Amino acid sequence: MAGTPKTGGRGGKKSVSRSAKAGLQFPVGRVARYLKKGKYAERVGAGAPVYLAAVLEYLCAEVLELAGNAARDNKKTRIVPRHVQLAIRNDEELSKLLGSVTIANGGVLPNIHSVLLPKKSAKKETEV
């Protein structure tokens, strides 16, 4: 049985992906392939794709968590691009990272300049 397609010729041991070894959801093998094909460097170390996949997974989880909170604030159960936009623009670090990024159907942050707001009435000032 040592050589069946299921075991990969390792005599009964099942193959474990690099993503599973690292405890990640993002595909380490695919990231490694993209790093090699992208010609970013002549050689790619074994730890580089694992680290990059972990960073990408963290950023994705952060954006999804904030977008989910934005969706819940708007009493919605589904995340739409508007929620992603609100999540990113309301977070200082993500806004800096994705400052030059345009999100399709994201809209803009609600903002009214203070000059355009109506003046406080003089009647209330005299009462206080």
N, C-alpha and C. Protein backbone atom coordinates (compact mmCIF):
# COMPACT_ATOMS: atom_id res chain seq x y z
N MET A 1 0.82 -1.21 0.00
CA MET A 1 0.00 0.00 0.00
C MET A 1 0.85 1.26 0.00
N ALA A 2 2.16 1.10 0.15
CA ALA A 2 3.02 2.29 0.20
C ALA A 2 3.19 2.84 -1.20
N GLY A 3 2.40 3.75 -1.57
CA GLY A 3 2.49 4.33 -2.89
C GLY A 3 1.11 4.65 -3.44
N THR A 4 0.10 4.46 -2.62
CA THR A 4 -1.24 4.81 -3.06
C THR A 4 -1.36 6.33 -3.14
N PRO A 5 -2.23 6.81 -4.00
CA PRO A 5 -2.36 8.27 -4.17
C PRO A 5 -2.75 8.99 -2.87
N LYS A 6 -3.51 8.31 -2.00
CA LYS A 6 -3.97 8.94 -0.75
C LYS A 6 -2.80 9.25 0.18
N THR A 7 -1.85 8.35 0.26
CA THR A 7 -0.74 8.52 1.21
C THR A 7 0.45 9.22 0.59
N GLY A 8 0.51 9.29 -0.71
CA GLY A 8 1.60 9.99 -1.36
C GLY A 8 2.93 9.26 -1.27
N GLY A 9 2.92 7.94 -1.12
CA GLY A 9 4.15 7.16 -1.09
C GLY A 9 4.89 7.22 0.22
N ARG A 10 4.22 7.62 1.30
CA ARG A 10 4.90 7.73 2.60
C ARG A 10 4.53 6.60 3.54
N GLY A 11 3.96 5.56 3.01
CA GLY A 11 3.68 4.38 3.81
C GLY A 11 2.67 4.57 4.92
N GLY A 12 1.48 5.05 4.60
CA GLY A 12 0.42 5.14 5.60
C GLY A 12 0.26 6.50 6.25
N LYS A 13 1.22 7.39 6.13
CA LYS A 13 1.09 8.73 6.73
C LYS A 13 0.29 9.62 5.80
N LYS A 14 -0.65 10.35 6.39
CA LYS A 14 -1.44 11.29 5.60
C LYS A 14 -0.71 12.61 5.51
N SER A 15 -0.77 13.26 4.34
CA SER A 15 -0.08 14.54 4.18
C SER A 15 -0.80 15.64 4.96
N VAL A 16 -0.03 16.52 5.57
CA VAL A 16 -0.57 17.64 6.32
C VAL A 16 -0.09 18.91 5.64
N SER A 17 -1.03 19.79 5.32
CA SER A 17 -0.66 21.01 4.60
C SER A 17 0.14 21.94 5.50
N ARG A 18 0.87 22.84 4.85
CA ARG A 18 1.66 23.82 5.61
C ARG A 18 0.74 24.78 6.35
N SER A 19 -0.44 25.03 5.80
CA SER A 19 -1.41 25.88 6.47
C SER A 19 -1.88 25.23 7.77
N ALA A 20 -2.12 23.92 7.73
CA ALA A 20 -2.55 23.20 8.93
C ALA A 20 -1.43 23.16 9.97
N LYS A 21 -0.20 22.98 9.50
CA LYS A 21 0.94 22.97 10.43
C LYS A 21 1.09 24.31 11.13
N ALA A 22 0.84 25.39 10.39
CA ALA A 22 0.98 26.74 10.96
C ALA A 22 -0.28 27.18 11.68
N GLY A 23 -1.36 26.42 11.57
CA GLY A 23 -2.61 26.78 12.21
C GLY A 23 -3.30 27.95 11.52
N LEU A 24 -3.19 28.00 10.21
CA LEU A 24 -3.76 29.12 9.44
C LEU A 24 -4.90 28.63 8.56
N GLN A 25 -5.76 29.57 8.16
CA GLN A 25 -6.82 29.29 7.19
C GLN A 25 -6.36 29.67 5.78
N PHE A 26 -5.50 30.67 5.67
CA PHE A 26 -5.02 31.10 4.37
C PHE A 26 -4.02 30.09 3.81
N PRO A 27 -4.03 29.88 2.48
CA PRO A 27 -3.20 28.83 1.87
C PRO A 27 -1.73 29.22 1.75
N VAL A 28 -0.89 28.57 2.54
CA VAL A 28 0.54 28.86 2.53
C VAL A 28 1.16 28.43 1.20
N GLY A 29 0.75 27.30 0.67
CA GLY A 29 1.29 26.81 -0.60
C GLY A 29 1.01 27.76 -1.75
N ARG A 30 -0.20 28.30 -1.78
CA ARG A 30 -0.56 29.23 -2.86
C ARG A 30 0.23 30.52 -2.74
N VAL A 31 0.39 31.02 -1.50
CA VAL A 31 1.19 32.23 -1.28
C VAL A 31 2.63 31.99 -1.71
N ALA A 32 3.16 30.80 -1.40
CA ALA A 32 4.53 30.46 -1.82
C ALA A 32 4.65 30.45 -3.34
N ARG A 33 3.66 29.88 -3.99
CA ARG A 33 3.66 29.83 -5.45
C ARG A 33 3.64 31.23 -6.05
N TYR A 34 2.80 32.10 -5.49
CA TYR A 34 2.72 33.48 -6.00
C TYR A 34 4.02 34.24 -5.75
N LEU A 35 4.66 33.99 -4.61
CA LEU A 35 5.93 34.65 -4.33
C LEU A 35 7.00 34.22 -5.33
N LYS A 36 7.00 32.93 -5.66
CA LYS A 36 8.00 32.42 -6.61
C LYS A 36 7.72 32.93 -8.03
N LYS A 37 6.45 32.86 -8.44
CA LYS A 37 6.10 33.27 -9.80
C LYS A 37 6.19 34.77 -9.99
N GLY A 38 6.06 35.53 -8.92
CA GLY A 38 6.09 36.98 -9.01
C GLY A 38 7.47 37.54 -9.22
N LYS A 39 8.50 36.71 -9.08
CA LYS A 39 9.90 37.13 -9.26
C LYS A 39 10.26 38.31 -8.34
N TYR A 40 9.75 38.26 -7.10
CA TYR A 40 10.10 39.30 -6.13
C TYR A 40 11.55 39.12 -5.68
N ALA A 41 12.00 37.88 -5.68
CA ALA A 41 13.38 37.57 -5.33
C ALA A 41 13.78 36.31 -6.09
N GLU A 42 15.09 36.09 -6.17
CA GLU A 42 15.58 34.91 -6.87
C GLU A 42 15.19 33.63 -6.13
N ARG A 43 15.26 33.69 -4.80
CA ARG A 43 14.90 32.54 -3.97
C ARG A 43 13.92 32.98 -2.89
N VAL A 44 13.07 32.05 -2.47
CA VAL A 44 12.08 32.33 -1.43
C VAL A 44 12.30 31.34 -0.29
N GLY A 45 12.49 31.85 0.92
CA GLY A 45 12.71 30.99 2.08
C GLY A 45 11.46 30.23 2.47
N ALA A 46 11.62 29.24 3.35
CA ALA A 46 10.49 28.41 3.75
C ALA A 46 9.54 29.16 4.68
N GLY A 47 10.05 30.11 5.45
CA GLY A 47 9.21 30.81 6.42
C GLY A 47 8.47 32.00 5.84
N ALA A 48 8.94 32.52 4.71
CA ALA A 48 8.34 33.73 4.13
C ALA A 48 6.87 33.57 3.77
N PRO A 49 6.48 32.51 3.06
CA PRO A 49 5.06 32.38 2.72
C PRO A 49 4.17 32.14 3.95
N VAL A 50 4.70 31.47 4.96
CA VAL A 50 3.93 31.24 6.19
C VAL A 50 3.65 32.57 6.88
N TYR A 51 4.69 33.40 6.97
CA TYR A 51 4.57 34.70 7.63
C TYR A 51 3.60 35.59 6.85
N LEU A 52 3.75 35.63 5.54
CA LEU A 52 2.89 36.46 4.70
C LEU A 52 1.43 36.00 4.77
N ALA A 53 1.21 34.70 4.76
CA ALA A 53 -0.16 34.17 4.86
C ALA A 53 -0.76 34.53 6.21
N ALA A 54 0.05 34.49 7.28
CA ALA A 54 -0.45 34.85 8.61
C ALA A 54 -0.82 36.33 8.68
N VAL A 55 -0.01 37.18 8.07
CA VAL A 55 -0.29 38.63 8.06
C VAL A 55 -1.57 38.90 7.27
N LEU A 56 -1.71 38.27 6.11
CA LEU A 56 -2.91 38.47 5.29
C LEU A 56 -4.16 37.98 6.02
N GLU A 57 -4.04 36.86 6.71
CA GLU A 57 -5.18 36.32 7.46
C GLU A 57 -5.58 37.27 8.58
N TYR A 58 -4.58 37.83 9.27
CA TYR A 58 -4.87 38.76 10.36
C TYR A 58 -5.58 40.01 9.84
N LEU A 59 -5.08 40.58 8.74
CA LEU A 59 -5.70 41.78 8.17
C LEU A 59 -7.13 41.50 7.72
N CYS A 60 -7.34 40.36 7.12
CA CYS A 60 -8.68 39.98 6.66
C CYS A 60 -9.63 39.82 7.85
N ALA A 61 -9.16 39.16 8.90
CA ALA A 61 -9.99 38.97 10.09
C ALA A 61 -10.33 40.30 10.75
N GLU A 62 -9.37 41.22 10.77
CA GLU A 62 -9.58 42.54 11.38
C GLU A 62 -10.64 43.32 10.61
N VAL A 63 -10.51 43.35 9.28
CA VAL A 63 -11.48 44.08 8.46
C VAL A 63 -12.86 43.45 8.56
N LEU A 64 -12.92 42.12 8.53
CA LEU A 64 -14.22 41.44 8.62
C LEU A 64 -14.90 41.67 9.97
N GLU A 65 -14.12 41.68 11.04
CA GLU A 65 -14.70 41.93 12.36
C GLU A 65 -15.30 43.33 12.44
N LEU A 66 -14.54 44.32 11.98
CA LEU A 66 -15.03 45.70 12.03
C LEU A 66 -16.22 45.90 11.09
N ALA A 67 -16.18 45.26 9.93
CA ALA A 67 -17.30 45.36 8.99
C ALA A 67 -18.55 44.68 9.55
N GLY A 68 -18.35 43.57 10.25
CA GLY A 68 -19.48 42.90 10.90
C GLY A 68 -20.11 43.77 11.98
N ASN A 69 -19.27 44.47 12.73
CA ASN A 69 -19.78 45.41 13.74
C ASN A 69 -20.56 46.54 13.07
N ALA A 70 -20.04 47.05 11.94
CA ALA A 70 -20.75 48.12 11.22
C ALA A 70 -22.09 47.62 10.70
N ALA A 71 -22.14 46.38 10.21
CA ALA A 71 -23.39 45.81 9.72
C ALA A 71 -24.39 45.65 10.86
N ARG A 72 -23.90 45.20 12.01
CA ARG A 72 -24.79 45.04 13.17
C ARG A 72 -25.31 46.39 13.65
N ASP A 73 -24.48 47.43 13.60
CA ASP A 73 -24.91 48.77 13.99
C ASP A 73 -26.04 49.27 13.08
N ASN A 74 -26.00 48.85 11.81
CA ASN A 74 -27.04 49.24 10.85
C ASN A 74 -28.19 48.24 10.79
N LYS A 75 -28.22 47.32 11.77
CA LYS A 75 -29.28 46.31 11.89
C LYS A 75 -29.40 45.44 10.63
N LYS A 76 -28.23 45.05 10.10
CA LYS A 76 -28.19 44.17 8.94
C LYS A 76 -27.44 42.89 9.33
N THR A 77 -27.78 41.80 8.64
CA THR A 77 -27.11 40.53 8.91
C THR A 77 -26.05 40.21 7.86
N ARG A 78 -26.03 40.97 6.78
CA ARG A 78 -25.09 40.70 5.68
C ARG A 78 -24.14 41.88 5.52
N ILE A 79 -22.85 41.57 5.35
CA ILE A 79 -21.86 42.61 5.14
C ILE A 79 -21.85 43.01 3.66
N VAL A 80 -22.02 44.30 3.42
CA VAL A 80 -21.98 44.84 2.06
C VAL A 80 -20.79 45.80 1.96
N PRO A 81 -20.41 46.22 0.75
CA PRO A 81 -19.24 47.10 0.62
C PRO A 81 -19.32 48.37 1.47
N ARG A 82 -20.51 48.87 1.69
CA ARG A 82 -20.69 50.07 2.54
C ARG A 82 -20.16 49.82 3.94
N HIS A 83 -20.42 48.63 4.48
CA HIS A 83 -19.96 48.29 5.82
C HIS A 83 -18.44 48.17 5.87
N VAL A 84 -17.85 47.62 4.80
CA VAL A 84 -16.39 47.52 4.72
C VAL A 84 -15.79 48.92 4.69
N GLN A 85 -16.39 49.81 3.90
CA GLN A 85 -15.91 51.18 3.80
C GLN A 85 -15.97 51.89 5.15
N LEU A 86 -17.10 51.76 5.84
CA LEU A 86 -17.24 52.40 7.16
C LEU A 86 -16.23 51.84 8.15
N ALA A 87 -16.01 50.53 8.09
CA ALA A 87 -15.06 49.89 9.00
C ALA A 87 -13.65 50.41 8.78
N ILE A 88 -13.24 50.49 7.53
CA ILE A 88 -11.87 50.90 7.21
C ILE A 88 -11.65 52.37 7.52
N ARG A 89 -12.59 53.22 7.13
CA ARG A 89 -12.39 54.66 7.29
C ARG A 89 -12.52 55.11 8.74
N ASN A 90 -13.22 54.34 9.57
CA ASN A 90 -13.35 54.72 10.98
C ASN A 90 -12.19 54.20 11.83
N ASP A 91 -11.37 53.31 11.28
CA ASP A 91 -10.21 52.79 11.99
C ASP A 91 -8.97 53.54 11.51
N GLU A 92 -8.24 54.13 12.45
CA GLU A 92 -7.12 55.00 12.09
C GLU A 92 -6.04 54.26 11.31
N GLU A 93 -5.63 53.08 11.79
CA GLU A 93 -4.52 52.35 11.16
C GLU A 93 -4.92 51.78 9.80
N LEU A 94 -6.12 51.21 9.72
CA LEU A 94 -6.58 50.66 8.44
C LEU A 94 -6.80 51.78 7.43
N SER A 95 -7.27 52.93 7.90
CA SER A 95 -7.48 54.05 7.00
C SER A 95 -6.16 54.54 6.42
N LYS A 96 -5.12 54.52 7.25
CA LYS A 96 -3.80 54.93 6.76
C LYS A 96 -3.25 53.90 5.76
N LEU A 97 -3.44 52.62 6.06
CA LEU A 97 -2.95 51.55 5.18
C LEU A 97 -3.67 51.58 3.83
N LEU A 98 -4.98 51.79 3.87
CA LEU A 98 -5.80 51.74 2.65
C LEU A 98 -6.28 53.13 2.25
N GLY A 99 -5.45 54.14 2.49
CA GLY A 99 -5.84 55.52 2.23
C GLY A 99 -6.08 55.81 0.76
N SER A 100 -5.32 55.19 -0.13
CA SER A 100 -5.45 55.47 -1.55
C SER A 100 -6.33 54.44 -2.27
N VAL A 101 -7.06 53.64 -1.50
CA VAL A 101 -7.88 52.58 -2.08
C VAL A 101 -9.32 53.07 -2.22
N THR A 102 -9.92 52.81 -3.38
CA THR A 102 -11.33 53.12 -3.60
C THR A 102 -12.12 51.82 -3.51
N ILE A 103 -13.15 51.81 -2.68
CA ILE A 103 -14.00 50.63 -2.54
C ILE A 103 -15.27 50.87 -3.34
N ALA A 104 -15.53 50.01 -4.32
CA ALA A 104 -16.71 50.16 -5.17
C ALA A 104 -17.98 50.03 -4.33
N ASN A 105 -18.92 50.93 -4.55
CA ASN A 105 -20.20 50.99 -3.81
C ASN A 105 -20.00 51.21 -2.31
N GLY A 106 -18.88 51.81 -1.95
CA GLY A 106 -18.61 52.05 -0.53
C GLY A 106 -19.19 53.34 -0.01
N GLY A 107 -19.36 54.32 -0.89
CA GLY A 107 -19.86 55.62 -0.44
C GLY A 107 -18.79 56.39 0.30
N VAL A 108 -19.22 57.39 1.06
CA VAL A 108 -18.31 58.21 1.85
C VAL A 108 -18.76 58.23 3.29
N LEU A 109 -17.87 58.66 4.18
CA LEU A 109 -18.24 58.78 5.58
C LEU A 109 -19.22 59.94 5.75
N PRO A 110 -20.24 59.77 6.59
CA PRO A 110 -21.15 60.89 6.83
C PRO A 110 -20.41 62.00 7.57
N ASN A 111 -20.38 63.19 6.98
CA ASN A 111 -19.64 64.29 7.58
C ASN A 111 -20.25 65.61 7.12
N ILE A 112 -20.63 66.45 8.09
CA ILE A 112 -21.14 67.78 7.79
C ILE A 112 -20.19 68.77 8.44
N HIS A 113 -19.67 69.69 7.65
CA HIS A 113 -18.73 70.68 8.16
C HIS A 113 -19.44 71.55 9.19
N SER A 114 -18.72 71.91 10.25
CA SER A 114 -19.32 72.65 11.36
C SER A 114 -19.84 74.03 10.94
N VAL A 115 -19.25 74.61 9.90
CA VAL A 115 -19.70 75.92 9.42
C VAL A 115 -21.11 75.84 8.84
N LEU A 116 -21.43 74.69 8.29
CA LEU A 116 -22.72 74.53 7.63
C LEU A 116 -23.86 74.21 8.59
N LEU A 117 -23.54 73.87 9.82
CA LEU A 117 -24.58 73.55 10.80
C LEU A 117 -25.29 74.82 11.24
N PRO A 118 -26.59 74.73 11.60
CA PRO A 118 -27.32 75.94 12.03
C PRO A 118 -26.73 76.51 13.32
N LYS A 119 -26.81 77.83 13.44
CA LYS A 119 -26.27 78.51 14.61
C LYS A 119 -27.14 78.23 15.83
N LYS A 120 -26.53 78.25 16.99
CA LYS A 120 -27.28 78.15 18.25
C LYS A 120 -28.08 79.43 18.43
N SER A 121 -29.31 79.31 18.87
CA SER A 121 -30.14 80.52 19.02
C SER A 121 -29.66 81.36 20.21
N ALA A 122 -29.77 82.68 20.10
CA ALA A 122 -29.32 83.59 21.17
C ALA A 122 -30.20 83.45 22.40
N LYS A 123 -31.43 82.97 22.21
CA LYS A 123 -32.37 82.81 23.31
C LYS A 123 -31.85 81.80 24.34
N LYS A 124 -31.26 80.70 23.87
CA LYS A 124 -30.75 79.67 24.78
C LYS A 124 -29.53 80.16 25.53
N GLU A 125 -28.71 81.00 24.90
CA GLU A 125 -27.51 81.51 25.56
C GLU A 125 -27.86 82.44 26.72
N THR A 126 -28.93 83.22 26.59
CA THR A 126 -29.32 84.15 27.66
C THR A 126 -29.94 83.41 28.86
N GLU A 127 -30.54 82.25 28.60
CA GLU A 127 -31.13 81.47 29.68
C GLU A 127 -30.06 80.87 30.58
N VAL A 128 -28.95 80.48 30.05
CA VAL A 128 -27.88 79.80 30.80
C VAL A 128 -27.02 80.76 31.53
